[in-house]
Amino acid sequence: WNAAFFCGSCAVIRRRALDEIGGFATETVTEDLHTSLRLHARGWRSIYHNEILAYGLAPVEAVPYHVQRLRWGQGAMQVFRHDNPLLIRGLTLAQRINYLASMTTYFDGYQKLIFYLAPPTYLLTGILPIHALDRIFILRFALYYASMLLAFKLGSRGHGAHLLTEHYNMVRFYTYIKSTAGLFVRRRLRFVVTPKAGTAATPWAAILPVLLVMVVTDAGIFAGTLRLAMGREPNTLAYAGNLLWSTWHVWLAAWAIWFTLSKVERRALHRARVAIPVRYATEEGQAGIGVLVDLHEEGAGLLIPEAPLAAARVWISFLWFDDHIGIQGEVVSQRETPDGLHVRLRLRALHPTIRDFLATFVILFAQRKFMEEVGRPIDRLGAQEWYLDRRRGWRGRRHLPVRVQWAGQEIWGVTQDVSDRGALLLFPRLLPRDATLRLSTWMEPAAYEATVVHTETLDLPPYVVHRVGVRIRPSLVPAPSRPPAS
């Protein structure tokens, strides 16, 4: 429909197109949306390139999340006031519809507020917002609601999560309502960049509206139940329906408040998930194989089997690639986990070459591997490519180093998920299908016999790794014998 607009800096724009519209739009705090609107109105085309070329950080805590959504909403209202997509010349009908949908989505806050307050209003006052509530209405409403959920799943191509969507609707409904004031406020708004580091501030302005919804709904549940117990409820069906919706909203509100208060990010820099095997050593003589869990240019997380780690510094070298790169870290803290000892490291006084390597490694390998792992549809409904999960049991997501013995060689891999009958491994070499191998982890002294059932190559230039699915035989294979210690 030629209505894709660029978001922030992740775009390439023709210089002549910018010159024709007088440069970037600076009248609003959402210059990307506003500039795109003017480019389309001028007749220029936009193309969405379906390849990840840049990575951005989404807000982790509530305060930066609401700052971002408030700015987006206020900016959309400003654009609507300056260049109304229904009135501006040059746009096609499809473009007008798309821009109007993008700008009016913030009015959902009003819709959600009415939706949240309607059930407790009936339970408190007995006033039913629907003229006639009977089985015919409930049947039609159920069909409508089921159709809406189906359309949501199909439209999101299997990536949509209805439960999380409703969770975030509860979190942000007041911020959306507040942002629509930008449609009427004529003063110039200040552009506030979304904070990337943790703020550790309690977002009372966002919590209080949600808390108010929960309190009013709880009061409605109490009043409605009391009226029913006293025999003063003439419409039992209406009571049951509103009690159901009220209970759902109380749960959503409690979840939103708990999540808002519990999600605290204390790191100034984001750490990318890595999950690759490394070799570690300390000045006290402790050494072995561990898993580099997360990483950025100033810190890292290391998972090792020994506890405790009696060292102030740790040296790390990569097992798979760039093994000439060594990282030295100061031990900040360590804690026991079900998978081993998690050691937090602070990386200081790194050579510029090492820092450049870490930054490149995070972008080219860690981030891309993460997207390969989590970027798939969460369900089959609506997915562009149908897939079949042949697993018979649940697998836990665990990153453990695995010693693989195959064809007279010993190679280290790392698990992505594991169960008693199967595992998914990341491996530096391509193993043939149906190959039989022996594997063991630091958690299990015994070795297992496993068979390769499928392989998949992850091409993450300049790195290449392989995802290997193995079926573990139910019976344990005795661990290989070791020579007696001298």
Protein backbone atom coordinates (compact mmCIF):
# COMPACT_ATOMS: atom_id res chain seq x y z
CA TRP A 1 0.00 0.00 0.00
CA ASN A 2 3.07 2.25 -0.05
CA ALA A 3 2.39 3.47 3.48
CA ALA A 4 5.39 2.17 5.46
CA PHE A 5 6.99 4.98 7.46
CA PHE A 6 10.49 4.90 8.89
CA CYS A 7 11.02 4.58 12.64
CA GLY A 8 13.86 6.64 14.06
CA SER A 9 17.29 6.18 12.54
CA CYS A 10 16.70 2.80 10.87
CA ALA A 11 16.10 4.13 7.39
CA VAL A 12 17.81 5.26 4.21
CA ILE A 13 16.20 8.30 2.62
CA ARG A 14 16.98 9.83 -0.76
CA ARG A 15 18.53 13.28 -0.34
CA ARG A 16 16.50 14.77 -3.20
CA ALA A 17 13.28 13.61 -1.51
CA LEU A 18 14.24 15.37 1.73
CA ASP A 19 15.14 18.54 -0.17
CA GLU A 20 11.73 18.58 -1.86
CA ILE A 21 9.89 18.67 1.48
CA GLY A 22 12.29 21.10 3.14
CA GLY A 23 14.16 18.53 5.26
CA PHE A 24 13.08 16.61 8.32
CA ALA A 25 9.87 17.76 9.95
CA THR A 26 10.78 19.47 13.24
CA GLU A 27 7.36 20.82 14.23
CA THR A 28 6.48 17.65 16.18
CA VAL A 29 8.24 15.25 18.56
CA THR A 30 7.67 12.32 16.18
CA GLU A 31 9.74 13.60 13.29
CA ASP A 32 9.89 10.16 11.66
CA LEU A 33 6.12 9.76 11.26
CA HIS A 34 5.70 13.41 10.24
CA THR A 35 8.52 13.33 7.67
CA SER A 36 7.20 10.10 6.15
CA LEU A 37 3.73 11.61 5.81
CA ARG A 38 5.12 14.58 3.88
CA LEU A 39 7.27 12.34 1.67
CA HIS A 40 4.25 10.24 0.73
CA ALA A 41 2.13 13.32 0.13
CA ARG A 42 4.85 14.55 -2.22
CA GLY A 43 4.55 11.34 -4.24
CA TRP A 44 7.63 9.49 -3.04
CA ARG A 45 7.49 5.74 -2.46
CA SER A 46 8.65 3.84 0.63
CA ILE A 47 9.78 0.23 0.79
CA TYR A 48 10.05 -1.98 3.86
CA HIS A 49 13.22 -4.06 3.66
CA ASN A 50 12.61 -7.35 5.45
CA GLU A 51 16.10 -7.94 6.83
CA ILE A 52 17.56 -7.06 10.23
CA LEU A 53 20.27 -4.47 9.63
CA ALA A 54 20.22 -2.66 12.98
CA TYR A 55 19.27 -3.45 16.55
CA GLY A 56 17.50 -1.20 19.01
CA LEU A 57 16.77 -1.42 22.71
CA ALA A 58 13.19 -1.41 23.91
CA PRO A 59 12.51 0.11 27.35
CA VAL A 60 13.05 -2.40 30.14
CA GLU A 61 11.39 -0.55 33.03
CA ALA A 62 8.03 1.17 33.40
CA VAL A 63 9.30 4.77 33.56
CA PRO A 64 11.12 4.80 30.19
CA TYR A 65 8.31 2.72 28.65
CA HIS A 66 5.70 5.33 29.57
CA VAL A 67 8.02 8.19 28.55
CA GLN A 68 8.34 6.60 25.12
CA ARG A 69 4.62 5.87 24.66
CA LEU A 70 3.64 9.33 25.87
CA ARG A 71 5.99 10.96 23.36
CA TRP A 72 4.71 8.76 20.53
CA GLY A 73 1.10 9.56 21.39
CA GLN A 74 1.67 13.31 21.80
CA GLY A 75 3.64 13.37 18.57
CA ALA A 76 0.88 11.56 16.67
CA MET A 77 -1.63 14.16 17.92
CA GLN A 78 0.70 16.97 16.82
CA VAL A 79 1.05 15.45 13.35
CA PHE A 80 -2.73 15.07 13.14
CA ARG A 81 -3.09 18.77 13.97
CA HIS A 82 -0.35 20.00 11.61
CA ASP A 83 -0.90 17.68 8.62
CA ASN A 84 -4.22 15.88 8.98
CA PRO A 85 -3.95 12.70 6.86
CA LEU A 86 -7.62 13.07 5.91
CA LEU A 87 -7.11 16.58 4.49
CA ILE A 88 -3.51 16.81 3.26
CA ARG A 89 -3.17 16.70 -0.51
CA GLY A 90 -1.24 13.99 -2.34
CA LEU A 91 -2.02 10.89 -0.27
CA THR A 92 -3.80 7.87 -1.67
CA LEU A 93 -6.86 6.45 0.08
CA ALA A 94 -4.84 3.50 1.42
CA GLN A 95 -2.19 5.85 2.82
CA ARG A 96 -4.85 7.99 4.52
CA ILE A 97 -6.34 4.88 6.15
CA ASN A 98 -2.95 3.66 7.38
CA TYR A 99 -1.82 7.00 8.79
CA LEU A 100 -5.21 7.53 10.42
CA ALA A 101 -4.96 4.08 12.07
CA SER A 102 -1.46 4.86 13.38
CA MET A 103 -2.53 8.18 14.87
CA THR A 104 -5.87 7.17 16.37
CA THR A 105 -4.63 4.01 18.11
CA TYR A 106 -3.95 6.14 21.21
CA PHE A 107 -7.68 6.72 21.68
CA ASP A 108 -7.84 3.05 22.68
CA GLY A 109 -7.13 4.30 26.20
CA TYR A 110 -10.66 5.70 26.46
CA GLN A 111 -12.16 2.48 25.12
CA LYS A 112 -10.22 0.41 27.64
CA LEU A 113 -11.21 2.68 30.53
CA ILE A 114 -14.91 2.24 29.68
CA PHE A 115 -14.36 -1.50 29.27
CA TYR A 116 -12.69 -1.70 32.71
CA LEU A 117 -15.32 0.38 34.53
CA ALA A 118 -18.50 -1.02 32.96
CA PRO A 119 -18.61 -4.31 34.97
CA PRO A 120 -18.06 -2.74 38.43
CA THR A 121 -20.56 -0.01 37.54
CA TYR A 122 -23.26 -2.63 37.12
CA LEU A 123 -22.20 -4.55 40.21
CA LEU A 124 -22.26 -1.34 42.29
CA THR A 125 -25.42 0.26 40.90
CA GLY A 126 -27.37 -2.46 39.12
CA ILE A 127 -27.38 -0.33 35.94
CA LEU A 128 -26.78 -2.63 32.96
CA PRO A 129 -25.09 -0.87 30.00
CA ILE A 130 -26.73 -3.35 27.60
CA HIS A 131 -30.46 -3.01 26.89
CA ALA A 132 -31.14 -6.74 26.88
CA LEU A 133 -28.73 -9.39 28.13
CA ASP A 134 -29.94 -12.83 27.10
CA ARG A 135 -28.61 -16.01 25.54
CA ILE A 136 -28.95 -14.63 22.00
CA PHE A 137 -26.77 -11.65 22.87
CA ILE A 138 -24.20 -13.87 24.61
CA LEU A 139 -24.06 -16.20 21.58
CA ARG A 140 -23.48 -13.28 19.21
CA PHE A 141 -20.90 -11.73 21.52
CA ALA A 142 -19.05 -15.05 21.83
CA LEU A 143 -18.97 -15.44 18.03
CA TYR A 144 -17.74 -11.86 17.65
CA TYR A 145 -15.05 -12.29 20.30
CA ALA A 146 -13.85 -15.60 18.81
CA SER A 147 -13.73 -14.03 15.34
CA MET A 148 -11.73 -11.09 16.70
CA LEU A 149 -9.18 -13.41 18.33
CA LEU A 150 -8.89 -15.43 15.14
CA ALA A 151 -8.36 -12.29 13.05
CA PHE A 152 -5.72 -11.12 15.54
CA LYS A 153 -3.82 -14.39 15.23
CA LEU A 154 -4.04 -14.46 11.44
CA GLY A 155 -3.08 -10.80 11.12
CA SER A 156 -0.04 -11.21 13.35
CA ARG A 157 1.08 -14.29 11.40
CA GLY A 158 1.43 -16.45 14.50
CA HIS A 159 3.46 -13.91 16.50
CA GLY A 160 0.55 -12.30 18.32
CA ALA A 161 0.06 -12.97 22.04
CA HIS A 162 -3.44 -11.94 23.12
CA LEU A 163 -2.75 -12.33 26.83
CA LEU A 164 0.34 -10.11 26.70
CA THR A 165 -1.54 -7.58 24.58
CA GLU A 166 -4.27 -7.25 27.21
CA HIS A 167 -1.58 -7.06 29.90
CA TYR A 168 0.06 -4.09 28.20
CA ASN A 169 -3.31 -2.49 27.49
CA MET A 170 -3.89 -2.39 31.25
CA VAL A 171 -0.39 -0.99 31.84
CA ARG A 172 -0.62 1.88 29.37
CA PHE A 173 -4.28 2.88 29.04
CA TYR A 174 -3.83 6.03 31.16
CA THR A 175 -0.67 7.04 29.28
CA TYR A 176 -2.58 6.74 26.00
CA ILE A 177 -5.40 8.90 27.38
CA LYS A 178 -2.86 11.46 28.61
CA SER A 179 -1.11 11.54 25.23
CA THR A 180 -4.29 12.53 23.37
CA ALA A 181 -4.15 15.90 25.12
CA GLY A 182 -1.53 16.77 22.51
CA LEU A 183 -4.39 17.17 20.04
CA PHE A 184 -5.56 20.26 21.90
CA VAL A 185 -2.40 21.60 23.59
CA ARG A 186 -0.79 24.22 21.37
CA ARG A 187 2.44 24.67 23.33
CA ARG A 188 5.64 23.26 21.90
CA LEU A 189 6.47 19.90 23.45
CA ARG A 190 9.98 19.04 24.56
CA PHE A 191 11.54 16.02 22.86
CA VAL A 192 12.57 13.50 25.54
CA VAL A 193 14.80 10.64 24.43
CA THR A 194 13.72 7.30 25.86
CA PRO A 195 16.13 6.43 28.71
CA LYS A 196 18.20 3.35 27.85
CA ALA A 197 19.69 2.74 31.31
CA GLY A 198 17.76 1.69 34.40
CA THR A 199 16.06 4.45 36.37
CA ALA A 200 15.10 2.53 39.55
CA ALA A 201 12.25 5.05 40.02
CA THR A 202 8.76 4.00 41.09
CA PRO A 203 6.30 5.00 38.33
CA TRP A 204 3.45 6.11 40.60
CA ALA A 205 1.81 8.12 37.81
CA ALA A 206 1.37 4.89 35.86
CA ILE A 207 0.55 2.64 38.81
CA LEU A 208 -2.17 4.77 40.42
CA PRO A 209 -4.69 4.57 37.51
CA VAL A 210 -4.28 0.80 37.41
CA LEU A 211 -4.61 0.60 41.19
CA LEU A 212 -7.77 2.71 41.02
CA VAL A 213 -9.30 0.33 38.46
CA MET A 214 -8.48 -2.63 40.71
CA VAL A 215 -9.96 -0.97 43.83
CA VAL A 216 -13.19 0.07 42.07
CA THR A 217 -13.54 -3.38 40.53
CA ASP A 218 -12.97 -5.10 43.87
CA ALA A 219 -15.62 -2.87 45.43
CA GLY A 220 -18.01 -3.82 42.64
CA ILE A 221 -17.40 -7.54 43.16
CA PHE A 222 -18.10 -7.16 46.89
CA ALA A 223 -21.24 -5.09 46.36
CA GLY A 224 -22.63 -7.35 43.63
CA THR A 225 -22.00 -10.51 45.64
CA LEU A 226 -23.62 -8.95 48.71
CA ARG A 227 -26.69 -7.96 46.66
CA LEU A 228 -26.93 -11.50 45.26
CA ALA A 229 -26.64 -13.04 48.75
CA MET A 230 -29.43 -10.77 50.02
CA GLY A 231 -31.71 -11.79 47.15
CA ARG A 232 -31.73 -8.33 45.55
CA GLU A 233 -30.11 -9.34 42.24
CA PRO A 234 -32.88 -9.72 39.62
CA ASN A 235 -30.56 -10.75 36.78
CA THR A 236 -28.34 -13.69 37.75
CA LEU A 237 -26.94 -13.95 34.21
CA ALA A 238 -25.84 -10.31 34.26
CA TYR A 239 -24.22 -10.81 37.64
CA ALA A 240 -22.30 -13.87 36.44
CA GLY A 241 -21.09 -12.15 33.27
CA ASN A 242 -19.94 -8.99 35.02
CA LEU A 243 -18.32 -11.00 37.80
CA LEU A 244 -16.35 -12.90 35.17
CA TRP A 245 -15.09 -9.72 33.46
CA SER A 246 -14.37 -8.04 36.81
CA THR A 247 -12.28 -10.98 37.99
CA TRP A 248 -10.33 -10.91 34.73
CA HIS A 249 -9.65 -7.18 35.09
CA VAL A 250 -8.56 -7.50 38.73
CA TRP A 251 -6.09 -10.18 37.70
CA LEU A 252 -4.78 -8.02 34.83
CA ALA A 253 -4.40 -5.02 37.15
CA ALA A 254 -2.60 -7.03 39.85
CA TRP A 255 -0.28 -8.50 37.24
CA ALA A 256 0.45 -5.07 35.78
CA ILE A 257 1.25 -3.57 39.20
CA TRP A 258 3.44 -6.49 40.23
CA PHE A 259 5.32 -6.47 36.92
CA THR A 260 5.83 -2.70 37.05
CA LEU A 261 7.26 -2.79 40.57
CA SER A 262 9.36 -5.92 40.15
CA LYS A 263 11.02 -5.07 36.84
CA VAL A 264 14.15 -3.13 37.83
CA GLU A 265 17.16 -2.76 35.55
CA ARG A 266 20.31 -1.71 37.40
CA ARG A 267 22.72 -2.03 34.49
CA ALA A 268 23.74 1.03 32.53
CA LEU A 269 24.52 -1.05 29.43
CA HIS A 270 22.45 -3.84 27.91
CA ARG A 271 23.99 -7.29 27.96
CA ALA A 272 23.34 -9.54 25.01
CA ARG A 273 22.64 -13.22 25.57
CA VAL A 274 25.54 -15.27 24.24
CA ALA A 275 25.44 -18.87 25.56
CA ILE A 276 28.67 -20.27 24.10
CA PRO A 277 31.26 -22.53 25.76
CA VAL A 278 34.52 -20.91 26.88
CA ARG A 279 37.64 -21.90 28.75
CA TYR A 280 38.25 -20.07 32.01
CA ALA A 281 41.20 -19.87 34.41
CA THR A 282 42.09 -18.00 37.59
CA GLU A 283 45.35 -16.94 39.19
CA GLU A 284 44.61 -19.40 42.00
CA GLY A 285 44.79 -22.31 39.58
CA GLN A 286 41.09 -23.01 39.04
CA ALA A 287 40.37 -23.81 35.40
CA GLY A 288 37.78 -25.55 33.30
CA ILE A 289 35.00 -25.19 30.75
CA GLY A 290 32.15 -22.76 31.34
CA VAL A 291 29.40 -20.96 29.46
CA LEU A 292 29.56 -17.27 28.61
CA VAL A 293 25.95 -16.38 29.42
CA ASP A 294 25.80 -12.67 28.57
CA LEU A 295 28.20 -10.01 27.39
CA HIS A 296 28.84 -6.37 26.59
CA GLU A 297 31.98 -4.25 26.36
CA GLU A 298 32.16 -3.63 30.11
CA GLY A 299 30.78 -6.80 31.70
CA ALA A 300 30.02 -10.47 31.28
CA GLY A 301 28.22 -13.35 32.96
CA LEU A 302 30.03 -16.69 33.31
CA LEU A 303 28.41 -19.98 34.31
CA ILE A 304 30.78 -22.56 35.80
CA PRO A 305 30.31 -25.88 37.68
CA GLU A 306 32.53 -25.11 40.66
CA ALA A 307 31.44 -23.28 43.78
CA PRO A 308 32.63 -21.03 45.21
CA LEU A 309 35.14 -19.30 42.94
CA ALA A 310 38.03 -18.24 45.13
CA ALA A 311 39.50 -15.64 42.83
CA ALA A 312 39.48 -11.91 42.21
CA ARG A 313 40.18 -12.14 38.47
CA VAL A 314 39.19 -14.59 35.75
CA TRP A 315 40.64 -15.09 32.28
CA ILE A 316 38.33 -16.28 29.48
CA SER A 317 39.17 -17.60 26.02
CA PHE A 318 36.74 -18.68 23.32
CA LEU A 319 36.57 -22.35 22.34
CA TRP A 320 34.90 -22.08 18.96
CA PHE A 321 36.24 -19.07 17.11
CA ASP A 322 38.65 -16.21 17.76
CA ASP A 323 40.42 -18.35 20.33
CA HIS A 324 43.31 -15.89 20.25
CA ILE A 325 41.07 -13.38 21.99
CA GLY A 326 41.46 -13.37 25.77
CA ILE A 327 39.23 -11.46 28.19
CA GLN A 328 40.19 -10.58 31.74
CA GLY A 329 37.45 -9.75 34.21
CA GLU A 330 37.14 -8.79 37.84
CA VAL A 331 34.75 -10.91 39.91
CA VAL A 332 31.91 -8.67 41.12
CA SER A 333 29.62 -11.30 42.60
CA GLN A 334 28.66 -14.95 42.33
CA ARG A 335 25.51 -16.87 43.11
CA GLU A 336 24.33 -20.43 43.00
CA THR A 337 21.82 -21.43 40.28
CA PRO A 338 20.28 -24.81 39.40
CA ASP A 339 22.71 -25.04 36.47
CA GLY A 340 25.89 -24.03 38.29
CA LEU A 341 27.66 -20.98 39.70
CA HIS A 342 26.83 -17.69 37.96
CA VAL A 343 29.79 -15.29 38.16
CA ARG A 344 29.36 -11.61 37.30
CA LEU A 345 32.48 -10.08 35.79
CA ARG A 346 33.49 -6.47 35.25
CA LEU A 347 35.69 -5.98 32.20
CA ARG A 348 38.15 -3.13 32.69
CA ALA A 349 41.26 -1.75 30.98
CA LEU A 350 40.52 -3.69 27.80
CA HIS A 351 42.68 -3.05 24.78
CA PRO A 352 40.79 -1.11 22.07
CA THR A 353 41.13 -4.12 19.76
CA ILE A 354 39.42 -6.36 22.35
CA ARG A 355 36.64 -3.82 22.90
CA ASP A 356 36.04 -3.60 19.16
CA PHE A 357 35.93 -7.39 18.94
CA LEU A 358 33.40 -7.64 21.77
CA ALA A 359 31.15 -4.99 20.24
CA THR A 360 31.31 -6.69 16.84
CA PHE A 361 30.79 -10.13 18.35
CA VAL A 362 27.69 -8.97 20.22
CA ILE A 363 26.16 -7.47 17.08
CA LEU A 364 27.16 -10.06 14.49
CA PHE A 365 26.77 -13.22 16.56
CA ALA A 366 24.93 -12.81 19.85
CA GLN A 367 22.08 -10.61 18.62
CA ARG A 368 21.57 -12.58 15.44
CA LYS A 369 21.61 -15.88 17.29
CA PHE A 370 19.07 -14.49 19.74
CA MET A 371 16.75 -13.50 16.89
CA GLU A 372 17.16 -16.97 15.36
CA GLU A 373 16.06 -18.49 18.66
CA VAL A 374 13.10 -16.25 19.54
CA GLY A 375 12.03 -14.77 16.21
CA ARG A 376 9.81 -17.66 15.21
CA PRO A 377 6.01 -17.64 15.58
CA ILE A 378 4.81 -18.58 19.04
CA ASP A 379 2.04 -20.73 17.58
CA ARG A 380 1.09 -22.29 14.27
CA LEU A 381 -2.13 -20.37 13.71
CA GLY A 382 -1.45 -17.71 11.11
CA ALA A 383 2.23 -18.56 10.69
CA GLN A 384 3.54 -18.06 7.17
CA GLU A 385 5.35 -21.39 7.35
CA TRP A 386 3.62 -24.28 9.07
CA TYR A 387 5.85 -26.33 11.30
CA LEU A 388 5.34 -29.48 13.32
CA ASP A 389 6.73 -29.99 16.79
CA ARG A 390 7.52 -33.71 17.07
CA ARG A 391 8.64 -33.57 20.68
CA ARG A 392 6.70 -35.78 23.04
CA GLY A 393 7.67 -34.05 26.27
CA TRP A 394 8.51 -30.65 27.68
CA ARG A 395 12.09 -29.40 27.40
CA GLY A 396 13.72 -26.96 29.78
CA ARG A 397 15.66 -24.03 28.35
CA ARG A 398 19.13 -24.60 29.80
CA HIS A 399 22.54 -23.53 28.56
CA LEU A 400 25.04 -26.17 29.66
CA PRO A 401 28.38 -27.06 28.05
CA VAL A 402 28.35 -30.52 26.51
CA ARG A 403 31.38 -32.69 25.77
CA VAL A 404 30.68 -34.57 22.55
CA GLN A 405 32.73 -37.62 21.56
CA TRP A 406 32.35 -38.47 17.89
CA ALA A 407 34.62 -40.13 15.31
CA GLY A 408 37.52 -40.24 17.75
CA GLN A 409 37.27 -36.52 18.49
CA GLU A 410 36.17 -34.58 21.55
CA ILE A 411 34.33 -31.34 20.78
CA TRP A 412 32.47 -28.92 23.06
CA GLY A 413 28.95 -27.70 22.34
CA VAL A 414 26.27 -26.01 24.42
CA THR A 415 22.63 -26.99 24.99
CA GLN A 416 19.74 -24.71 24.05
CA ASP A 417 17.11 -26.92 25.63
CA VAL A 418 17.30 -30.33 27.18
CA SER A 419 15.16 -33.16 28.55
CA ASP A 420 15.79 -36.74 29.62
CA ARG A 421 15.18 -38.00 26.07
CA GLY A 422 16.38 -35.24 23.78
CA ALA A 423 18.33 -32.02 23.48
CA LEU A 424 19.01 -29.19 21.08
CA LEU A 425 22.70 -28.32 20.82
CA LEU A 426 24.70 -25.49 19.32
CA PHE A 427 27.80 -26.94 17.75
CA PRO A 428 30.79 -25.56 15.83
CA ARG A 429 30.79 -28.44 13.32
CA LEU A 430 28.16 -29.99 11.10
CA LEU A 431 27.31 -33.50 12.24
CA PRO A 432 25.77 -35.98 9.79
CA ARG A 433 22.23 -37.10 10.40
CA ASP A 434 21.83 -40.46 12.17
CA ALA A 435 25.37 -40.16 13.54
CA THR A 436 25.82 -41.82 16.92
CA LEU A 437 27.76 -39.91 19.53
CA ARG A 438 28.40 -39.81 23.26
CA LEU A 439 27.76 -36.69 25.27
CA SER A 440 28.09 -35.62 28.87
CA THR A 441 27.68 -32.38 30.83
CA TRP A 442 29.32 -31.17 33.99
CA MET A 443 26.09 -31.92 35.83
CA GLU A 444 26.17 -35.61 34.86
CA PRO A 445 29.35 -37.67 35.29
CA ALA A 446 27.86 -40.42 33.12
CA ALA A 447 27.88 -40.22 29.36
CA TYR A 448 24.76 -40.62 27.24
CA GLU A 449 24.47 -42.25 23.87
CA ALA A 450 22.69 -39.95 21.45
CA THR A 451 21.63 -39.98 17.82
CA VAL A 452 21.52 -36.93 15.56
CA VAL A 453 17.95 -36.51 14.26
CA HIS A 454 18.29 -33.17 12.46
CA THR A 455 20.78 -30.39 11.81
CA GLU A 456 20.42 -26.74 10.88
CA THR A 457 23.15 -24.30 9.89
CA LEU A 458 23.05 -20.78 11.35
CA ASP A 459 24.97 -18.53 9.01
CA LEU A 460 25.84 -15.48 11.09
CA PRO A 461 28.69 -13.91 9.07
CA PRO A 462 31.55 -14.01 9.80
CA TYR A 463 30.53 -16.85 12.14
CA VAL A 464 28.85 -20.15 11.34
CA VAL A 465 27.37 -22.49 13.96
CA HIS A 466 25.10 -25.49 13.70
CA ARG A 467 21.95 -26.32 15.63
CA VAL A 468 21.86 -30.07 16.20
CA GLY A 469 18.87 -32.00 17.50
CA VAL A 470 19.74 -35.24 19.24
CA ARG A 471 17.65 -38.07 20.65
CA ILE A 472 19.10 -39.39 23.91
CA ARG A 473 18.61 -43.07 24.60
CA PRO A 474 16.65 -43.81 27.78
CA SER A 475 19.39 -46.05 29.17
CA LEU A 476 22.54 -44.46 30.50
CA VAL A 477 25.87 -45.41 28.93
CA PRO A 478 28.68 -45.91 31.45
CA ALA A 479 31.08 -43.02 31.62
CA PRO A 480 34.41 -43.59 29.84
CA SER A 481 37.05 -45.04 32.15
CA ARG A 482 39.83 -42.75 33.35
CA PRO A 483 43.36 -43.69 34.33
CA PRO A 484 43.97 -43.69 38.08
CA ALA A 485 45.41 -40.50 39.53
CA SER A 486 49.12 -40.73 40.13
